Protein backbone atom coordinates (compact mmCIF):
# COMPACT_ATOMS: atom_id res chain seq x y z
CA MET A 1 8.03 -51.33 43.48
CA ASN A 2 10.07 -54.17 42.17
CA SER A 3 10.07 -55.00 38.58
CA GLY A 4 8.86 -58.19 37.20
CA SER A 5 12.56 -59.02 36.73
CA GLU A 6 13.32 -57.81 40.39
CA LYS A 7 13.47 -61.57 42.15
CA ARG A 8 14.09 -60.09 45.87
CA ARG A 9 11.72 -60.59 48.54
CA HIS A 10 12.66 -57.62 50.51
CA PRO A 11 13.11 -54.06 49.28
CA ARG A 12 16.07 -52.39 49.09
CA ILE A 13 16.51 -48.95 50.92
CA PRO A 14 19.43 -46.62 49.62
CA ARG A 15 21.34 -45.44 52.37
CA GLU A 16 24.93 -44.55 52.90
CA GLU A 17 26.47 -46.39 56.20
CA ILE A 18 30.14 -46.89 57.14
CA LEU A 19 30.85 -50.44 57.84
CA SER A 20 33.75 -52.73 58.86
CA ILE A 21 34.01 -56.36 57.43
CA LYS A 22 36.35 -59.19 58.61
CA LEU A 23 37.27 -61.94 56.28
CA ILE A 24 36.04 -65.47 57.83
CA ALA A 25 37.74 -68.44 56.13
CA PRO A 26 38.48 -66.96 53.21
CA PRO A 27 38.52 -69.29 50.05
CA THR A 28 41.35 -68.22 48.60
CA GLU A 29 44.67 -66.31 49.91
CA PHE A 30 44.04 -62.39 51.13
CA ALA A 31 46.47 -60.34 52.03
CA TYR A 32 45.00 -58.55 55.74
CA PRO A 33 43.66 -61.99 57.08
CA GLY A 34 42.16 -60.79 60.31
CA GLU A 35 42.27 -57.24 59.68
CA PRO A 36 39.29 -55.44 59.19
CA LEU A 37 38.30 -53.53 55.90
CA TYR A 38 36.35 -50.46 56.30
CA CYS A 39 33.77 -49.74 53.26
CA SER A 40 30.28 -48.08 52.88
CA THR A 41 27.07 -49.35 52.08
CA GLU A 42 24.94 -48.27 48.93
CA ASP A 43 21.86 -49.66 50.26
CA VAL A 44 20.56 -52.05 52.69
CA SER A 45 17.70 -54.79 53.05
CA ALA A 46 16.13 -57.04 55.81
CA GLU A 47 18.33 -59.62 53.90
CA GLY A 48 21.68 -57.97 52.84
CA MET A 49 23.25 -55.06 51.54
CA ARG A 50 25.07 -53.56 48.43
CA ILE A 51 28.86 -52.61 49.74
CA HIS A 52 31.58 -50.41 47.78
CA VAL A 53 35.05 -51.95 48.99
CA ASN A 54 38.87 -51.52 47.93
CA HIS A 55 39.38 -54.97 47.91
CA GLU A 56 38.30 -57.56 45.33
CA LEU A 57 36.21 -60.06 47.34
CA GLU A 58 35.18 -63.44 46.00
CA PRO A 59 32.06 -65.07 46.00
CA GLY A 60 31.35 -67.18 48.90
CA GLN A 61 33.48 -65.44 50.86
CA ALA A 62 31.60 -65.04 54.64
CA VAL A 63 32.34 -61.69 56.38
CA ASP A 64 31.76 -60.98 59.77
CA ILE A 65 30.00 -57.11 59.67
CA TRP A 66 30.02 -54.36 62.03
CA ILE A 67 27.61 -51.51 61.11
CA VAL A 68 26.73 -48.69 63.24
CA LEU A 69 23.66 -46.40 62.35
CA LEU A 70 23.96 -43.63 64.22
CA ASP A 71 19.90 -42.27 63.67
CA GLN A 72 19.08 -45.54 65.08
CA ARG A 73 21.65 -45.23 67.90
CA GLY A 74 22.38 -49.09 67.40
CA THR A 75 25.47 -50.99 66.70
CA PHE A 76 24.56 -54.52 64.88
CA HIS A 77 26.86 -57.66 64.31
CA LEU A 78 25.97 -59.39 60.93
CA THR A 79 27.41 -62.19 59.54
CA GLY A 80 27.13 -62.27 55.76
CA GLU A 81 28.25 -64.04 52.41
CA VAL A 82 29.65 -62.30 49.23
CA THR A 83 26.97 -63.15 46.48
CA TRP A 84 28.45 -61.33 43.83
CA ILE A 85 31.19 -58.58 42.96
CA GLN A 86 31.84 -56.36 40.48
CA ALA A 87 34.15 -53.81 39.03
CA ALA A 88 32.92 -50.01 40.31
CA SER A 89 34.05 -48.68 37.16
CA GLN A 90 35.59 -49.63 33.89
CA ASP A 91 38.90 -49.05 35.09
CA SER A 92 39.00 -52.46 37.58
CA SER A 93 42.61 -51.78 38.38
CA ALA A 94 41.23 -48.54 40.01
CA GLY A 95 40.50 -50.86 43.22
CA ASN A 96 37.20 -50.00 43.49
CA TRP A 97 34.49 -52.83 43.56
CA VAL A 98 30.62 -53.22 44.50
CA ALA A 99 29.69 -56.20 46.36
CA GLY A 100 26.03 -57.98 47.15
CA VAL A 101 26.43 -59.56 50.67
CA ALA A 102 23.55 -61.68 51.91
CA LEU A 103 22.83 -61.64 55.54
CA LEU A 104 23.15 -65.16 57.07
CA ASP A 105 20.43 -66.38 59.45
CA ASP A 106 23.06 -67.21 62.26
CA SER A 107 23.95 -63.55 62.44
CA GLU A 108 23.71 -62.06 66.39
CA HIS A 109 21.72 -59.26 65.50
CA LEU A 110 19.44 -60.50 62.82
CA HIS A 111 16.81 -59.87 64.42
CA GLU A 112 17.12 -56.12 65.52
CA TRP A 113 18.57 -55.97 62.11
CA ARG A 114 15.15 -56.96 60.47
CA GLU A 115 12.94 -54.69 62.90
CA LEU A 116 14.57 -51.65 61.51
CA PHE A 117 12.50 -52.81 58.31
CA LEU A 118 9.25 -53.37 59.60
CA GLU A 119 9.02 -49.59 60.03
CA THR A 120 9.69 -48.56 56.49
């Protein structure tokens, strides 16, 4: 159940999945444009996900997401926007980051992705 300070319309589901993201039109220079970054989710919802990534991304960065959910036997192609990012530990030089990604309405498989959450 959401707390009073929680403004989410859709509940988060703790779930660790492997995904790849590619940066779309990065707002700043990035060392590997077009190269996939492999990361993992911490939780997912019908509208977004929290991911662990080894690169510091910029809020507002658009990302192309490919995620395979083995138990649902599906591959989902989604588009998202980084809404926030923070160091995963107190040592920000460690290269571990946690980011929030909001899914965009023009995502190819957004309807199928949201269908997963109607069953929970």
